[in-house]
N, C-alpha and C. Protein backbone atom coordinates (compact mmCIF):
# COMPACT_ATOMS: atom_id res chain seq x y z
N MET A 1 24.91 -0.83 -10.25
CA MET A 1 24.20 -2.10 -10.14
C MET A 1 24.59 -2.95 -11.35
N PRO A 2 25.02 -4.19 -11.11
CA PRO A 2 25.43 -5.04 -12.23
C PRO A 2 24.23 -5.43 -13.09
N VAL A 3 24.48 -5.55 -14.37
CA VAL A 3 23.43 -5.91 -15.32
C VAL A 3 23.44 -7.42 -15.52
N ASP A 4 22.28 -8.03 -15.41
CA ASP A 4 22.15 -9.46 -15.69
C ASP A 4 21.86 -9.58 -17.19
N TRP A 5 22.92 -9.76 -17.98
CA TRP A 5 22.80 -9.73 -19.43
C TRP A 5 21.95 -10.86 -19.98
N HIS A 6 21.98 -12.01 -19.34
CA HIS A 6 21.18 -13.14 -19.79
C HIS A 6 19.69 -12.80 -19.70
N ILE A 7 19.28 -12.26 -18.57
CA ILE A 7 17.86 -11.89 -18.40
C ILE A 7 17.50 -10.75 -19.34
N LEU A 8 18.39 -9.78 -19.46
CA LEU A 8 18.13 -8.66 -20.36
C LEU A 8 17.95 -9.14 -21.80
N ALA A 9 18.82 -10.04 -22.25
CA ALA A 9 18.72 -10.56 -23.62
C ALA A 9 17.43 -11.34 -23.82
N MET A 10 17.07 -12.18 -22.85
CA MET A 10 15.82 -12.95 -22.97
C MET A 10 14.61 -12.03 -22.98
N THR A 11 14.66 -11.01 -22.12
CA THR A 11 13.55 -10.08 -22.04
C THR A 11 13.39 -9.33 -23.36
N LEU A 12 14.50 -8.85 -23.91
CA LEU A 12 14.43 -8.10 -25.16
C LEU A 12 13.98 -9.00 -26.31
N ARG A 13 14.41 -10.25 -26.32
CA ARG A 13 14.05 -11.18 -27.38
C ARG A 13 12.56 -11.53 -27.33
N ASN A 14 12.02 -11.66 -26.12
CA ASN A 14 10.62 -12.07 -25.96
C ASN A 14 9.66 -10.90 -25.84
N ARG A 15 10.17 -9.70 -25.93
CA ARG A 15 9.34 -8.51 -25.73
C ARG A 15 8.37 -8.33 -26.89
N ARG A 16 7.12 -8.08 -26.55
CA ARG A 16 6.11 -7.78 -27.57
C ARG A 16 5.96 -6.27 -27.67
N ARG A 17 5.61 -5.80 -28.84
CA ARG A 17 5.40 -4.36 -29.04
C ARG A 17 3.93 -4.10 -29.29
N TYR A 18 3.44 -3.02 -28.68
CA TYR A 18 2.03 -2.66 -28.80
C TYR A 18 1.90 -1.18 -29.15
N THR A 19 0.84 -0.86 -29.88
CA THR A 19 0.46 0.53 -30.04
C THR A 19 -0.28 0.94 -28.77
N ALA A 20 -0.56 2.21 -28.63
CA ALA A 20 -1.31 2.68 -27.46
C ALA A 20 -2.70 2.05 -27.43
N ALA A 21 -3.31 1.91 -28.61
CA ALA A 21 -4.64 1.31 -28.69
C ALA A 21 -4.60 -0.17 -28.27
N GLU A 22 -3.59 -0.90 -28.77
CA GLU A 22 -3.47 -2.32 -28.41
C GLU A 22 -3.20 -2.50 -26.92
N LEU A 23 -2.32 -1.65 -26.39
CA LEU A 23 -2.00 -1.73 -24.96
C LEU A 23 -3.25 -1.45 -24.13
N GLY A 24 -4.00 -0.43 -24.53
CA GLY A 24 -5.23 -0.11 -23.83
C GLY A 24 -6.22 -1.26 -23.86
N GLN A 25 -6.35 -1.88 -25.01
CA GLN A 25 -7.27 -3.01 -25.16
C GLN A 25 -6.86 -4.17 -24.25
N LEU A 26 -5.56 -4.45 -24.17
CA LEU A 26 -5.08 -5.52 -23.30
C LEU A 26 -5.34 -5.23 -21.82
N ALA A 27 -5.29 -3.96 -21.47
CA ALA A 27 -5.48 -3.57 -20.07
C ALA A 27 -6.93 -3.20 -19.76
N GLY A 28 -7.78 -3.23 -20.77
CA GLY A 28 -9.18 -2.85 -20.54
C GLY A 28 -9.39 -1.35 -20.43
N LEU A 29 -8.57 -0.58 -21.15
CA LEU A 29 -8.64 0.88 -21.11
C LEU A 29 -8.73 1.42 -22.53
N THR A 30 -9.01 2.69 -22.64
CA THR A 30 -9.01 3.33 -23.96
C THR A 30 -7.60 3.81 -24.29
N GLU A 31 -7.36 4.05 -25.56
CA GLU A 31 -6.07 4.59 -26.00
C GLU A 31 -5.82 5.93 -25.32
N ARG A 32 -6.86 6.74 -25.20
CA ARG A 32 -6.73 8.05 -24.56
C ARG A 32 -6.29 7.91 -23.10
N THR A 33 -6.82 6.91 -22.40
CA THR A 33 -6.45 6.71 -21.00
C THR A 33 -4.98 6.32 -20.89
N VAL A 34 -4.51 5.49 -21.82
CA VAL A 34 -3.10 5.11 -21.82
C VAL A 34 -2.24 6.36 -21.96
N ARG A 35 -2.59 7.21 -22.93
CA ARG A 35 -1.81 8.44 -23.15
C ARG A 35 -1.90 9.38 -21.94
N TYR A 36 -3.07 9.42 -21.32
CA TYR A 36 -3.26 10.26 -20.12
C TYR A 36 -2.38 9.76 -18.98
N TYR A 37 -2.29 8.44 -18.79
CA TYR A 37 -1.46 7.88 -17.73
C TYR A 37 0.02 8.18 -17.97
N VAL A 38 0.44 8.22 -19.25
CA VAL A 38 1.81 8.61 -19.57
C VAL A 38 2.01 10.08 -19.19
N GLN A 39 1.05 10.91 -19.58
CA GLN A 39 1.11 12.34 -19.27
C GLN A 39 1.15 12.59 -17.76
N GLU A 40 0.43 11.78 -16.99
CA GLU A 40 0.37 11.90 -15.53
C GLU A 40 1.55 11.22 -14.84
N HIS A 41 2.46 10.63 -15.62
CA HIS A 41 3.63 9.92 -15.10
C HIS A 41 3.25 8.73 -14.23
N LEU A 42 2.16 8.08 -14.59
CA LEU A 42 1.74 6.86 -13.89
C LEU A 42 2.38 5.63 -14.53
N ILE A 43 2.68 5.73 -15.83
CA ILE A 43 3.42 4.68 -16.54
C ILE A 43 4.51 5.37 -17.35
N ASP A 44 5.51 4.59 -17.75
CA ASP A 44 6.61 5.13 -18.53
C ASP A 44 6.13 5.57 -19.92
N ALA A 45 6.85 6.53 -20.49
CA ALA A 45 6.57 6.97 -21.86
C ALA A 45 6.88 5.81 -22.81
N PRO A 46 6.28 5.81 -23.99
CA PRO A 46 6.57 4.73 -24.94
C PRO A 46 8.02 4.76 -25.37
N ASP A 47 8.50 3.60 -25.80
CA ASP A 47 9.85 3.52 -26.35
C ASP A 47 9.80 4.03 -27.79
N GLY A 48 10.82 4.74 -28.21
CA GLY A 48 10.83 5.30 -29.56
C GLY A 48 10.03 6.59 -29.63
N ARG A 49 10.05 7.20 -30.82
CA ARG A 49 9.34 8.48 -31.01
C ARG A 49 8.52 8.44 -32.28
N GLY A 50 7.53 9.28 -32.32
CA GLY A 50 6.70 9.43 -33.52
C GLY A 50 6.03 8.12 -33.91
N ARG A 51 6.10 7.80 -35.22
CA ARG A 51 5.43 6.60 -35.72
C ARG A 51 6.08 5.32 -35.19
N GLY A 52 7.32 5.41 -34.71
CA GLY A 52 8.02 4.24 -34.18
C GLY A 52 7.77 4.03 -32.69
N ALA A 53 7.00 4.93 -32.07
CA ALA A 53 6.74 4.79 -30.64
C ALA A 53 5.93 3.52 -30.38
N HIS A 54 6.32 2.79 -29.36
CA HIS A 54 5.61 1.56 -29.04
C HIS A 54 5.69 1.27 -27.53
N TYR A 55 4.80 0.46 -27.08
CA TYR A 55 4.74 0.02 -25.70
C TYR A 55 5.07 -1.47 -25.67
N ASP A 56 5.40 -1.99 -24.48
CA ASP A 56 5.71 -3.41 -24.37
C ASP A 56 5.10 -3.97 -23.08
N ASP A 57 5.49 -5.19 -22.74
CA ASP A 57 4.93 -5.86 -21.56
C ASP A 57 5.21 -5.11 -20.26
N ARG A 58 6.33 -4.38 -20.24
CA ARG A 58 6.64 -3.57 -19.06
C ARG A 58 5.53 -2.54 -18.83
N HIS A 59 5.11 -1.89 -19.90
CA HIS A 59 4.03 -0.91 -19.80
C HIS A 59 2.72 -1.56 -19.40
N LEU A 60 2.49 -2.76 -19.92
CA LEU A 60 1.27 -3.49 -19.56
C LEU A 60 1.26 -3.78 -18.05
N GLY A 61 2.39 -4.21 -17.53
CA GLY A 61 2.50 -4.44 -16.09
C GLY A 61 2.27 -3.17 -15.29
N GLN A 62 2.82 -2.05 -15.79
CA GLN A 62 2.62 -0.77 -15.11
C GLN A 62 1.15 -0.38 -15.11
N LEU A 63 0.49 -0.56 -16.24
CA LEU A 63 -0.95 -0.24 -16.32
C LEU A 63 -1.75 -1.09 -15.35
N ARG A 64 -1.44 -2.36 -15.29
CA ARG A 64 -2.16 -3.25 -14.38
C ARG A 64 -1.92 -2.86 -12.94
N ARG A 65 -0.68 -2.46 -12.63
CA ARG A 65 -0.38 -2.01 -11.27
C ARG A 65 -1.18 -0.75 -10.94
N VAL A 66 -1.24 0.18 -11.86
CA VAL A 66 -2.00 1.42 -11.64
C VAL A 66 -3.46 1.10 -11.38
N ARG A 67 -4.03 0.24 -12.20
CA ARG A 67 -5.45 -0.13 -12.04
C ARG A 67 -5.69 -0.80 -10.69
N LEU A 68 -4.77 -1.66 -10.30
CA LEU A 68 -4.89 -2.35 -9.02
C LEU A 68 -4.81 -1.35 -7.86
N LEU A 69 -3.86 -0.44 -7.92
CA LEU A 69 -3.73 0.55 -6.85
C LEU A 69 -4.93 1.49 -6.82
N GLN A 70 -5.48 1.81 -7.99
CA GLN A 70 -6.70 2.63 -8.02
C GLN A 70 -7.86 1.89 -7.35
N SER A 71 -7.93 0.58 -7.55
CA SER A 71 -9.03 -0.19 -6.97
C SER A 71 -8.94 -0.24 -5.44
N THR A 72 -7.75 0.05 -4.89
CA THR A 72 -7.61 0.10 -3.43
C THR A 72 -7.90 1.49 -2.89
N GLY A 73 -8.21 2.44 -3.80
CA GLY A 73 -8.59 3.78 -3.36
C GLY A 73 -7.50 4.82 -3.47
N LEU A 74 -6.35 4.48 -4.05
CA LEU A 74 -5.28 5.47 -4.18
C LEU A 74 -5.55 6.40 -5.35
N ASP A 75 -5.24 7.68 -5.15
CA ASP A 75 -5.36 8.64 -6.25
C ASP A 75 -4.03 8.69 -7.01
N HIS A 76 -3.98 9.49 -8.07
CA HIS A 76 -2.79 9.51 -8.93
C HIS A 76 -1.54 9.93 -8.17
N ALA A 77 -1.64 10.93 -7.31
CA ALA A 77 -0.46 11.38 -6.55
C ALA A 77 0.05 10.26 -5.65
N ALA A 78 -0.84 9.54 -5.01
CA ALA A 78 -0.43 8.44 -4.12
C ALA A 78 0.18 7.30 -4.93
N ILE A 79 -0.33 7.06 -6.13
CA ILE A 79 0.23 6.01 -6.98
C ILE A 79 1.64 6.39 -7.43
N ARG A 80 1.85 7.67 -7.76
CA ARG A 80 3.19 8.12 -8.15
C ARG A 80 4.16 7.96 -6.97
N ARG A 81 3.70 8.32 -5.75
CA ARG A 81 4.55 8.15 -4.57
C ARG A 81 4.87 6.68 -4.34
N HIS A 82 3.85 5.83 -4.47
CA HIS A 82 4.04 4.39 -4.29
C HIS A 82 5.08 3.86 -5.28
N SER A 83 4.98 4.28 -6.55
CA SER A 83 5.92 3.82 -7.58
C SER A 83 7.33 4.29 -7.28
N ALA A 84 7.47 5.55 -6.87
CA ALA A 84 8.79 6.10 -6.55
C ALA A 84 9.40 5.37 -5.35
N GLU A 85 8.60 5.12 -4.33
CA GLU A 85 9.10 4.40 -3.15
C GLU A 85 9.50 2.98 -3.51
N THR A 86 8.73 2.34 -4.38
CA THR A 86 9.04 0.97 -4.80
C THR A 86 10.36 0.94 -5.55
N ARG A 87 10.55 1.88 -6.50
CA ARG A 87 11.81 1.95 -7.25
C ARG A 87 12.99 2.20 -6.31
N GLU A 88 12.79 3.08 -5.32
CA GLU A 88 13.85 3.39 -4.36
C GLU A 88 14.22 2.16 -3.53
N LEU A 89 13.21 1.44 -3.06
CA LEU A 89 13.47 0.23 -2.27
C LEU A 89 14.18 -0.83 -3.10
N LEU A 90 13.76 -1.00 -4.35
CA LEU A 90 14.42 -1.98 -5.21
C LEU A 90 15.88 -1.60 -5.42
N ALA A 91 16.14 -0.32 -5.67
CA ALA A 91 17.50 0.14 -5.90
C ALA A 91 18.36 -0.07 -4.65
N LYS A 92 17.81 0.22 -3.47
CA LYS A 92 18.57 0.04 -2.22
C LYS A 92 18.95 -1.42 -2.01
N ARG A 93 18.11 -2.32 -2.47
CA ARG A 93 18.37 -3.75 -2.29
C ARG A 93 19.12 -4.35 -3.49
N GLY A 94 19.46 -3.51 -4.45
CA GLY A 94 20.21 -3.98 -5.60
C GLY A 94 19.39 -4.84 -6.54
N LEU A 95 18.08 -4.65 -6.55
CA LEU A 95 17.20 -5.45 -7.40
C LEU A 95 16.87 -4.70 -8.67
N SER A 96 16.70 -5.42 -9.74
CA SER A 96 16.40 -4.85 -11.04
C SER A 96 14.93 -4.45 -11.12
N SER A 97 14.68 -3.22 -11.52
CA SER A 97 13.29 -2.80 -11.70
C SER A 97 12.67 -3.53 -12.89
N MET A 98 13.51 -3.95 -13.87
CA MET A 98 13.01 -4.70 -15.01
C MET A 98 12.46 -6.05 -14.54
N LYS A 99 13.19 -6.71 -13.63
CA LYS A 99 12.73 -7.98 -13.09
C LYS A 99 11.43 -7.78 -12.32
N ALA A 100 11.37 -6.69 -11.57
CA ALA A 100 10.17 -6.42 -10.78
C ALA A 100 8.96 -6.19 -11.69
N GLU A 101 9.16 -5.43 -12.76
CA GLU A 101 8.06 -5.19 -13.71
C GLU A 101 7.62 -6.50 -14.36
N HIS A 102 8.59 -7.34 -14.69
CA HIS A 102 8.27 -8.63 -15.30
C HIS A 102 7.47 -9.49 -14.31
N ALA A 103 7.93 -9.52 -13.06
CA ALA A 103 7.22 -10.30 -12.04
C ALA A 103 5.82 -9.74 -11.83
N TRP A 104 5.72 -8.41 -11.85
CA TRP A 104 4.42 -7.77 -11.64
C TRP A 104 3.46 -8.18 -12.74
N THR A 105 3.92 -8.19 -13.97
CA THR A 105 3.06 -8.58 -15.08
C THR A 105 2.58 -10.02 -14.93
N ASN A 106 3.50 -10.91 -14.52
CA ASN A 106 3.15 -12.32 -14.41
C ASN A 106 2.24 -12.64 -13.23
N PHE A 107 2.40 -11.94 -12.14
CA PHE A 107 1.65 -12.28 -10.93
C PHE A 107 0.53 -11.30 -10.62
N ASN A 108 0.21 -10.43 -11.56
CA ASN A 108 -0.80 -9.41 -11.31
C ASN A 108 -2.16 -9.99 -10.97
N ALA A 109 -2.58 -11.03 -11.66
CA ALA A 109 -3.91 -11.60 -11.40
C ALA A 109 -4.01 -12.16 -9.99
N GLN A 110 -2.95 -12.80 -9.52
CA GLN A 110 -2.95 -13.34 -8.16
C GLN A 110 -3.00 -12.20 -7.14
N ALA A 111 -2.23 -11.16 -7.39
CA ALA A 111 -2.21 -10.02 -6.47
C ALA A 111 -3.57 -9.34 -6.44
N ALA A 112 -4.20 -9.19 -7.59
CA ALA A 112 -5.51 -8.56 -7.65
C ALA A 112 -6.53 -9.36 -6.84
N ALA A 113 -6.46 -10.68 -6.93
CA ALA A 113 -7.38 -11.51 -6.16
C ALA A 113 -7.15 -11.33 -4.66
N LEU A 114 -5.89 -11.26 -4.25
CA LEU A 114 -5.59 -11.06 -2.83
C LEU A 114 -6.08 -9.70 -2.34
N TYR A 115 -5.82 -8.65 -3.12
CA TYR A 115 -6.29 -7.31 -2.75
C TYR A 115 -7.81 -7.28 -2.68
N SER A 116 -8.44 -7.92 -3.62
CA SER A 116 -9.90 -7.94 -3.65
C SER A 116 -10.45 -8.61 -2.39
N ARG A 117 -9.86 -9.75 -2.02
CA ARG A 117 -10.29 -10.43 -0.80
C ARG A 117 -10.04 -9.56 0.43
N ALA A 118 -8.89 -8.92 0.47
CA ALA A 118 -8.56 -8.08 1.63
C ALA A 118 -9.50 -6.89 1.72
N ARG A 119 -9.84 -6.30 0.58
CA ARG A 119 -10.73 -5.13 0.59
C ARG A 119 -12.13 -5.50 1.01
N SER A 120 -12.57 -6.73 0.74
CA SER A 120 -13.93 -7.12 1.06
C SER A 120 -14.13 -7.32 2.56
N ARG A 121 -13.03 -7.49 3.28
CA ARG A 121 -13.12 -7.63 4.74
C ARG A 121 -13.08 -6.26 5.38
N GLU A 122 -13.85 -6.11 6.45
CA GLU A 122 -13.82 -4.85 7.17
C GLU A 122 -12.55 -4.81 8.01
N LEU A 123 -11.80 -3.73 7.87
CA LEU A 123 -10.55 -3.62 8.59
C LEU A 123 -10.80 -3.16 10.02
N PRO A 124 -10.03 -3.66 10.98
CA PRO A 124 -10.22 -3.25 12.36
C PRO A 124 -9.77 -1.80 12.55
N THR A 125 -10.38 -1.12 13.50
CA THR A 125 -9.97 0.24 13.79
C THR A 125 -8.87 0.21 14.84
N VAL A 126 -8.02 1.19 14.80
CA VAL A 126 -6.93 1.30 15.76
C VAL A 126 -7.09 2.63 16.48
N ASP A 127 -7.18 2.57 17.79
CA ASP A 127 -7.31 3.77 18.60
C ASP A 127 -6.14 3.83 19.58
N LEU A 128 -5.60 5.01 19.76
CA LEU A 128 -4.54 5.20 20.74
C LEU A 128 -5.18 5.65 22.04
N VAL A 129 -4.91 4.90 23.11
CA VAL A 129 -5.50 5.21 24.41
C VAL A 129 -4.45 5.04 25.50
N THR A 130 -4.74 5.66 26.65
CA THR A 130 -3.95 5.43 27.85
C THR A 130 -4.71 4.42 28.68
N ARG A 131 -4.05 3.33 29.02
CA ARG A 131 -4.69 2.25 29.78
C ARG A 131 -4.23 2.33 31.23
N ILE A 132 -5.21 2.45 32.14
CA ILE A 132 -4.90 2.54 33.56
C ILE A 132 -5.54 1.35 34.26
N GLY A 133 -4.69 0.48 34.83
CA GLY A 133 -5.20 -0.68 35.56
C GLY A 133 -5.73 -0.23 36.92
N ILE A 134 -6.96 -0.56 37.20
CA ILE A 134 -7.57 -0.15 38.47
C ILE A 134 -7.57 -1.30 39.46
N ALA A 135 -8.09 -2.43 39.05
CA ALA A 135 -8.11 -3.63 39.88
C ALA A 135 -8.13 -4.81 38.92
N LYS A 136 -7.99 -6.01 39.45
CA LYS A 136 -7.98 -7.19 38.58
C LYS A 136 -9.30 -7.25 37.80
N GLY A 137 -9.17 -7.22 36.45
CA GLY A 137 -10.35 -7.27 35.58
C GLY A 137 -11.00 -5.92 35.32
N ILE A 138 -10.45 -4.85 35.90
CA ILE A 138 -11.04 -3.52 35.71
C ILE A 138 -9.94 -2.57 35.22
N GLU A 139 -10.19 -1.96 34.06
CA GLU A 139 -9.25 -1.00 33.49
C GLU A 139 -9.99 0.26 33.07
N LEU A 140 -9.28 1.36 33.11
CA LEU A 140 -9.81 2.62 32.63
C LEU A 140 -9.05 2.97 31.36
N LEU A 141 -9.77 3.16 30.25
CA LEU A 141 -9.16 3.54 28.98
C LEU A 141 -9.49 5.00 28.71
N VAL A 142 -8.46 5.80 28.50
CA VAL A 142 -8.65 7.23 28.25
C VAL A 142 -8.18 7.53 26.84
N ASP A 143 -9.08 8.07 26.01
CA ASP A 143 -8.74 8.43 24.63
C ASP A 143 -7.61 9.44 24.63
N ARG A 144 -6.76 9.36 23.62
CA ARG A 144 -5.60 10.25 23.57
C ARG A 144 -5.98 11.72 23.44
N ALA A 145 -7.19 11.98 22.99
CA ALA A 145 -7.63 13.37 22.85
C ALA A 145 -8.00 13.99 24.20
N ILE A 146 -8.13 13.15 25.22
CA ILE A 146 -8.52 13.64 26.55
C ILE A 146 -7.29 13.62 27.45
N ARG A 147 -7.08 14.72 28.14
CA ARG A 147 -5.93 14.83 29.03
C ARG A 147 -6.18 14.01 30.29
N VAL A 148 -5.20 13.20 30.65
CA VAL A 148 -5.32 12.39 31.86
C VAL A 148 -5.22 13.32 33.07
N PRO A 149 -6.11 13.14 34.06
CA PRO A 149 -6.09 14.03 35.23
C PRO A 149 -4.83 13.83 36.08
N SER A 150 -4.65 14.70 37.03
CA SER A 150 -3.48 14.62 37.92
C SER A 150 -3.52 13.33 38.72
N PRO A 151 -2.35 12.90 39.25
CA PRO A 151 -2.32 11.68 40.05
C PRO A 151 -3.29 11.70 41.25
N THR A 152 -3.46 12.85 41.89
CA THR A 152 -4.38 12.96 43.03
C THR A 152 -5.81 12.66 42.58
N LYS A 153 -6.21 13.23 41.46
CA LYS A 153 -7.56 12.98 40.95
C LYS A 153 -7.72 11.54 40.47
N LEU A 154 -6.65 10.97 39.89
CA LEU A 154 -6.70 9.58 39.45
C LEU A 154 -6.93 8.64 40.64
N VAL A 155 -6.27 8.93 41.76
CA VAL A 155 -6.46 8.11 42.96
C VAL A 155 -7.92 8.17 43.40
N GLN A 156 -8.53 9.35 43.31
CA GLN A 156 -9.94 9.48 43.67
C GLN A 156 -10.83 8.66 42.73
N VAL A 157 -10.50 8.68 41.43
CA VAL A 157 -11.28 7.91 40.45
C VAL A 157 -11.13 6.42 40.74
N VAL A 158 -9.91 5.97 40.97
CA VAL A 158 -9.64 4.57 41.25
C VAL A 158 -10.38 4.12 42.50
N ASP A 159 -10.30 4.92 43.56
CA ASP A 159 -11.00 4.57 44.80
C ASP A 159 -12.50 4.49 44.59
N ALA A 160 -13.07 5.44 43.82
CA ALA A 160 -14.51 5.44 43.56
C ALA A 160 -14.93 4.20 42.76
N VAL A 161 -14.16 3.84 41.75
CA VAL A 161 -14.48 2.67 40.92
C VAL A 161 -14.37 1.40 41.76
N CYS A 162 -13.32 1.28 42.56
CA CYS A 162 -13.15 0.09 43.40
C CYS A 162 -14.28 -0.02 44.41
N SER A 163 -14.68 1.09 44.95
CA SER A 163 -15.79 1.10 45.91
C SER A 163 -17.07 0.65 45.22
N ALA A 164 -17.32 1.15 44.02
CA ALA A 164 -18.54 0.80 43.29
C ALA A 164 -18.58 -0.69 42.96
N PHE A 165 -17.42 -1.29 42.67
CA PHE A 165 -17.36 -2.71 42.34
C PHE A 165 -17.13 -3.60 43.55
N GLY A 166 -16.83 -2.97 44.69
CA GLY A 166 -16.58 -3.74 45.91
C GLY A 166 -15.29 -4.54 45.83
N VAL A 167 -14.27 -3.99 45.18
CA VAL A 167 -12.97 -4.66 45.07
C VAL A 167 -11.87 -3.81 45.65
N ARG A 168 -10.71 -4.43 45.87
CA ARG A 168 -9.55 -3.70 46.35
C ARG A 168 -8.74 -3.18 45.17
N THR A 169 -8.05 -2.09 45.39
CA THR A 169 -7.16 -1.52 44.37
C THR A 169 -5.99 -2.47 44.16
N GLU A 170 -5.47 -2.54 42.93
CA GLU A 170 -4.36 -3.44 42.61
C GLU A 170 -3.15 -3.20 43.48
N GLY A 171 -2.79 -1.95 43.72
CA GLY A 171 -1.57 -1.63 44.46
C GLY A 171 -1.72 -1.68 45.96
N LYS A 172 -2.93 -1.70 46.49
CA LYS A 172 -3.14 -1.65 47.95
C LYS A 172 -3.15 -3.00 48.57
N GLN A 173 -2.53 -3.12 49.69
CA GLN A 173 -2.56 -4.35 50.48
C GLN A 173 -3.40 -4.07 51.72
N GLU A 174 -4.37 -4.89 52.02
CA GLU A 174 -5.19 -4.71 53.22
C GLU A 174 -4.96 -5.82 54.21
């Protein structure tokens, strides 16, 4: 994947450095939680080692993403899968994960508002059924957990329903 040196240089020049405590404070978390998220592989490890270890805006974006995904009900394993799938999709499309992290940091508040609105609405249920047309305006819906009867028995059901409603069967001509 080609490197966009201009963006990389601007990003490195404008990058802020944070301690774990500062990063936690910016994200509304404790320093311990930041370290725990690193241990759980929910965010990247700090850059550097020992006393020189530091976090940057990329980590802040990752923390915000984790918090947002947690608010939608995802557990740590699901968040790790989501992150891996996102990185894989970006790589397949030749997109920079650095750009994605930068965009995530900048647009996180808007995304959180959208997720919040979406979560507040009750989601429709989806059921898989077999739909059998009996007559105009009359259908029989059979849940997928129930085995559909044989064609002979279905004809009996259709005839009984049509008789009860006083209508003709869709396929019959009288």
